[in-house]
Amino acid sequence: MTYTWALELEEDAREVGDYLRPYVDAGALVSFVELYASLETRLERNRTEHRLAEKRSKRDVDWSDENVRQLEQHVMNTGLTEYAHEMPGERLLGQHRCLRLDNTNVSADETARTILTWLS
């Protein structure tokens, strides 16, 4: 699944943990892929034909661009501060295997290939 969450917020970590619980309880291997890109890149991608076609919420581009900008107030990427280990989201992620991937200058196909190679 794809999910944007604030790593510093306990309620976000709790929600993600709730999503994971059935899999963890069943003994499944849970893996996270953290994709990150510059704000400029994310705003450009926000207006691509495919994203507008597939994500109804993105079709109001003014609202969607503002939403992307507002999310900047949260910690959405791992390892950015010396206190990262104290954040609820970082603690949850630390319990699972994770791939952190800068896809600023990488195509969607290349990103997918990298992820699939890592997962296998």
C-alpha atoms as a PDB file:
ATOM      1  CA  MET A   1       0.000   0.000   0.000  1.00  0.00           C
ATOM      2  CA  THR A   2       1.039   3.604  -0.378  1.00  0.00           C
ATOM      3  CA  TYR A   3       0.814   5.815   2.674  1.00  0.00           C
ATOM      4  CA  THR A   4       2.011   9.272   3.647  1.00  0.00           C
ATOM      5  CA  TRP A   5       2.440   9.726   7.381  1.00  0.00           C
ATOM      6  CA  ALA A   6       4.067  12.006   9.903  1.00  0.00           C
ATOM      7  CA  LEU A   7       6.813  10.074  11.648  1.00  0.00           C
ATOM      8  CA  GLU A   8       6.722  12.379  14.662  1.00  0.00           C
ATOM      9  CA  LEU A   9       3.042  11.748  15.416  1.00  0.00           C
ATOM     10  CA  GLU A  10       2.122   8.913  17.774  1.00  0.00           C
ATOM     11  CA  GLU A  11      -1.361   8.635  16.227  1.00  0.00           C
ATOM     12  CA  ASP A  12       0.106   8.084  12.743  1.00  0.00           C
ATOM     13  CA  ALA A  13       2.478   5.379  14.024  1.00  0.00           C
ATOM     14  CA  ARG A  14      -0.419   3.734  15.868  1.00  0.00           C
ATOM     15  CA  GLU A  15      -2.536   3.736  12.694  1.00  0.00           C
ATOM     16  CA  VAL A  16       0.238   2.171  10.612  1.00  0.00           C
ATOM     17  CA  GLY A  17       0.855  -0.350  13.382  1.00  0.00           C
ATOM     18  CA  ASP A  18      -2.846  -1.256  13.308  1.00  0.00           C
ATOM     19  CA  TYR A  19      -2.593  -1.872   9.547  1.00  0.00           C
ATOM     20  CA  LEU A  20       0.428  -4.117  10.093  1.00  0.00           C
ATOM     21  CA  ARG A  21      -0.825  -6.069  13.095  1.00  0.00           C
ATOM     22  CA  PRO A  22      -2.678  -8.868  11.226  1.00  0.00           C
ATOM     23  CA  TYR A  23       0.420  -9.559   9.123  1.00  0.00           C
ATOM     24  CA  VAL A  24       2.865  -9.364  12.015  1.00  0.00           C
ATOM     25  CA  ASP A  25       0.611 -11.577  14.163  1.00  0.00           C
ATOM     26  CA  ALA A  26       0.515 -14.119  11.323  1.00  0.00           C
ATOM     27  CA  GLY A  27       4.331 -14.139  11.159  1.00  0.00           C
ATOM     28  CA  ALA A  28       4.538 -12.416   7.792  1.00  0.00           C
ATOM     29  CA  LEU A  29       7.626 -10.489   6.774  1.00  0.00           C
ATOM     30  CA  VAL A  30       6.765  -6.794   6.592  1.00  0.00           C
ATOM     31  CA  SER A  31       8.916  -4.556   4.424  1.00  0.00           C
ATOM     32  CA  PHE A  32       8.788  -0.805   3.991  1.00  0.00           C
ATOM     33  CA  VAL A  33       9.937   1.199   1.016  1.00  0.00           C
ATOM     34  CA  GLU A  34      10.445   4.871   1.719  1.00  0.00           C
ATOM     35  CA  LEU A  35      10.419   6.922  -1.447  1.00  0.00           C
ATOM     36  CA  TYR A  36      11.527  10.503  -1.205  1.00  0.00           C
ATOM     37  CA  ALA A  37      12.018  13.339  -3.645  1.00  0.00           C
ATOM     38  CA  SER A  38      12.429  17.079  -3.514  1.00  0.00           C
ATOM     39  CA  LEU A  39       9.371  19.250  -3.000  1.00  0.00           C
ATOM     40  CA  GLU A  40       9.794  20.654  -6.507  1.00  0.00           C
ATOM     41  CA  THR A  41       9.811  17.141  -7.983  1.00  0.00           C
ATOM     42  CA  ARG A  42       6.759  16.086  -5.973  1.00  0.00           C
ATOM     43  CA  LEU A  43       4.844  19.165  -7.129  1.00  0.00           C
ATOM     44  CA  GLU A  44       5.758  18.424 -10.766  1.00  0.00           C
ATOM     45  CA  ARG A  45       4.649  14.808 -10.401  1.00  0.00           C
ATOM     46  CA  ASN A  46       1.452  15.957  -8.764  1.00  0.00           C
ATOM     47  CA  ARG A  47       0.296  17.215 -12.160  1.00  0.00           C
ATOM     48  CA  THR A  48       1.276  14.320 -14.397  1.00  0.00           C
ATOM     49  CA  GLU A  49      -1.376  12.838 -16.651  1.00  0.00           C
ATOM     50  CA  HIS A  50      -1.264   9.424 -14.984  1.00  0.00           C
ATOM     51  CA  ARG A  51      -1.567  10.822 -11.459  1.00  0.00           C
ATOM     52  CA  LEU A  52      -4.495  13.035 -12.433  1.00  0.00           C
ATOM     53  CA  ALA A  53      -6.195  10.113 -14.156  1.00  0.00           C
ATOM     54  CA  GLU A  54      -5.682   7.630 -11.315  1.00  0.00           C
ATOM     55  CA  LYS A  55      -6.065   9.796  -8.211  1.00  0.00           C
ATOM     56  CA  ARG A  56      -9.307  11.702  -8.063  1.00  0.00           C
ATOM     57  CA  SER A  57      -8.077  13.936  -5.200  1.00  0.00           C
ATOM     58  CA  LYS A  58      -5.246  15.229  -7.392  1.00  0.00           C
ATOM     59  CA  ARG A  59      -7.613  16.652 -10.006  1.00  0.00           C
ATOM     60  CA  ASP A  60      -8.132  19.806  -7.952  1.00  0.00           C
ATOM     61  CA  VAL A  61      -4.515  20.740  -8.600  1.00  0.00           C
ATOM     62  CA  ASP A  62      -4.550  23.924  -6.526  1.00  0.00           C
ATOM     63  CA  TRP A  63      -5.816  22.033  -3.467  1.00  0.00           C
ATOM     64  CA  SER A  64      -3.487  19.129  -4.144  1.00  0.00           C
ATOM     65  CA  ASP A  65      -0.395  21.325  -4.533  1.00  0.00           C
ATOM     66  CA  GLU A  66      -1.241  23.148  -1.300  1.00  0.00           C
ATOM     67  CA  ASN A  67      -1.722  19.802   0.458  1.00  0.00           C
ATOM     68  CA  VAL A  68       1.742  18.684  -0.665  1.00  0.00           C
ATOM     69  CA  ARG A  69       3.229  21.954   0.607  1.00  0.00           C
ATOM     70  CA  GLN A  70       1.409  21.697   3.956  1.00  0.00           C
ATOM     71  CA  LEU A  71       2.783  18.213   4.526  1.00  0.00           C
ATOM     72  CA  GLU A  72       6.247  19.782   4.685  1.00  0.00           C
ATOM     73  CA  GLN A  73       5.488  20.770   8.286  1.00  0.00           C
ATOM     74  CA  HIS A  74       5.758  17.099   9.261  1.00  0.00           C
ATOM     75  CA  VAL A  75       8.689  14.706   9.350  1.00  0.00           C
ATOM     76  CA  MET A  76       7.941  12.371   6.470  1.00  0.00           C
ATOM     77  CA  ASN A  77      11.411  10.958   5.888  1.00  0.00           C
ATOM     78  CA  THR A  78      13.619   8.862   8.133  1.00  0.00           C
ATOM     79  CA  GLY A  79      16.999   9.758   9.520  1.00  0.00           C
ATOM     80  CA  LEU A  80      16.673  13.520   9.192  1.00  0.00           C
ATOM     81  CA  THR A  81      17.403  14.512  12.778  1.00  0.00           C
ATOM     82  CA  GLU A  82      19.630  13.311  15.590  1.00  0.00           C
ATOM     83  CA  TYR A  83      16.431  12.613  17.520  1.00  0.00           C
ATOM     84  CA  ALA A  84      14.969  10.369  14.820  1.00  0.00           C
ATOM     85  CA  HIS A  85      15.167   7.304  17.087  1.00  0.00           C
ATOM     86  CA  GLU A  86      12.741   9.047  19.470  1.00  0.00           C
ATOM     87  CA  MET A  87      10.001   9.471  16.865  1.00  0.00           C
ATOM     88  CA  PRO A  88       7.140   6.957  17.006  1.00  0.00           C
ATOM     89  CA  GLY A  89       7.281   6.306  13.268  1.00  0.00           C
ATOM     90  CA  GLU A  90      11.036   5.717  13.299  1.00  0.00           C
ATOM     91  CA  ARG A  91      10.635   3.248  16.180  1.00  0.00           C
ATOM     92  CA  LEU A  92       7.960   1.339  14.266  1.00  0.00           C
ATOM     93  CA  LEU A  93      10.029   1.280  11.093  1.00  0.00           C
ATOM     94  CA  GLY A  94      13.011   0.028  13.071  1.00  0.00           C
ATOM     95  CA  GLN A  95      11.117  -3.212  13.738  1.00  0.00           C
ATOM     96  CA  HIS A  96      10.993  -4.095  10.026  1.00  0.00           C
ATOM     97  CA  ARG A  97      13.246  -4.137   7.045  1.00  0.00           C
ATOM     98  CA  CYS A  98      13.246  -0.858   5.130  1.00  0.00           C
ATOM     99  CA  LEU A  99      14.569   0.478   1.867  1.00  0.00           C
ATOM    100  CA  ARG A 100      15.064   4.246   1.637  1.00  0.00           C
ATOM    101  CA  LEU A 101      15.153   5.377  -1.988  1.00  0.00           C
ATOM    102  CA  ASP A 102      15.661   8.846  -3.423  1.00  0.00           C
ATOM    103  CA  ASN A 103      13.639   8.787  -6.630  1.00  0.00           C
ATOM    104  CA  THR A 104      14.023  12.483  -7.478  1.00  0.00           C
ATOM    105  CA  ASN A 105      15.845  11.759 -10.739  1.00  0.00           C
ATOM    106  CA  VAL A 106      14.683   8.194 -11.289  1.00  0.00           C
ATOM    107  CA  SER A 107      11.847   7.001 -13.507  1.00  0.00           C
ATOM    108  CA  ALA A 108       8.913   5.102 -12.076  1.00  0.00           C
ATOM    109  CA  ASP A 109       9.999   1.990 -13.992  1.00  0.00           C
ATOM    110  CA  GLU A 110      13.552   2.149 -12.654  1.00  0.00           C
ATOM    111  CA  THR A 111      12.252   2.755  -9.134  1.00  0.00           C
ATOM    112  CA  ALA A 112       9.979  -0.280  -9.428  1.00  0.00           C
ATOM    113  CA  ARG A 113      12.856  -2.448 -10.683  1.00  0.00           C
ATOM    114  CA  THR A 114      15.028  -1.357  -7.747  1.00  0.00           C
ATOM    115  CA  ILE A 115      12.253  -2.176  -5.273  1.00  0.00           C
ATOM    116  CA  LEU A 116      11.533  -5.560  -6.826  1.00  0.00           C
ATOM    117  CA  THR A 117      15.242  -6.465  -6.776  1.00  0.00           C
ATOM    118  CA  TRP A 118      15.485  -5.450  -3.113  1.00  0.00           C
ATOM    119  CA  LEU A 119      12.360  -7.422  -2.186  1.00  0.00           C
ATOM    120  CA  SER A 120      13.689 -10.573  -3.834  1.00  0.00           C
END
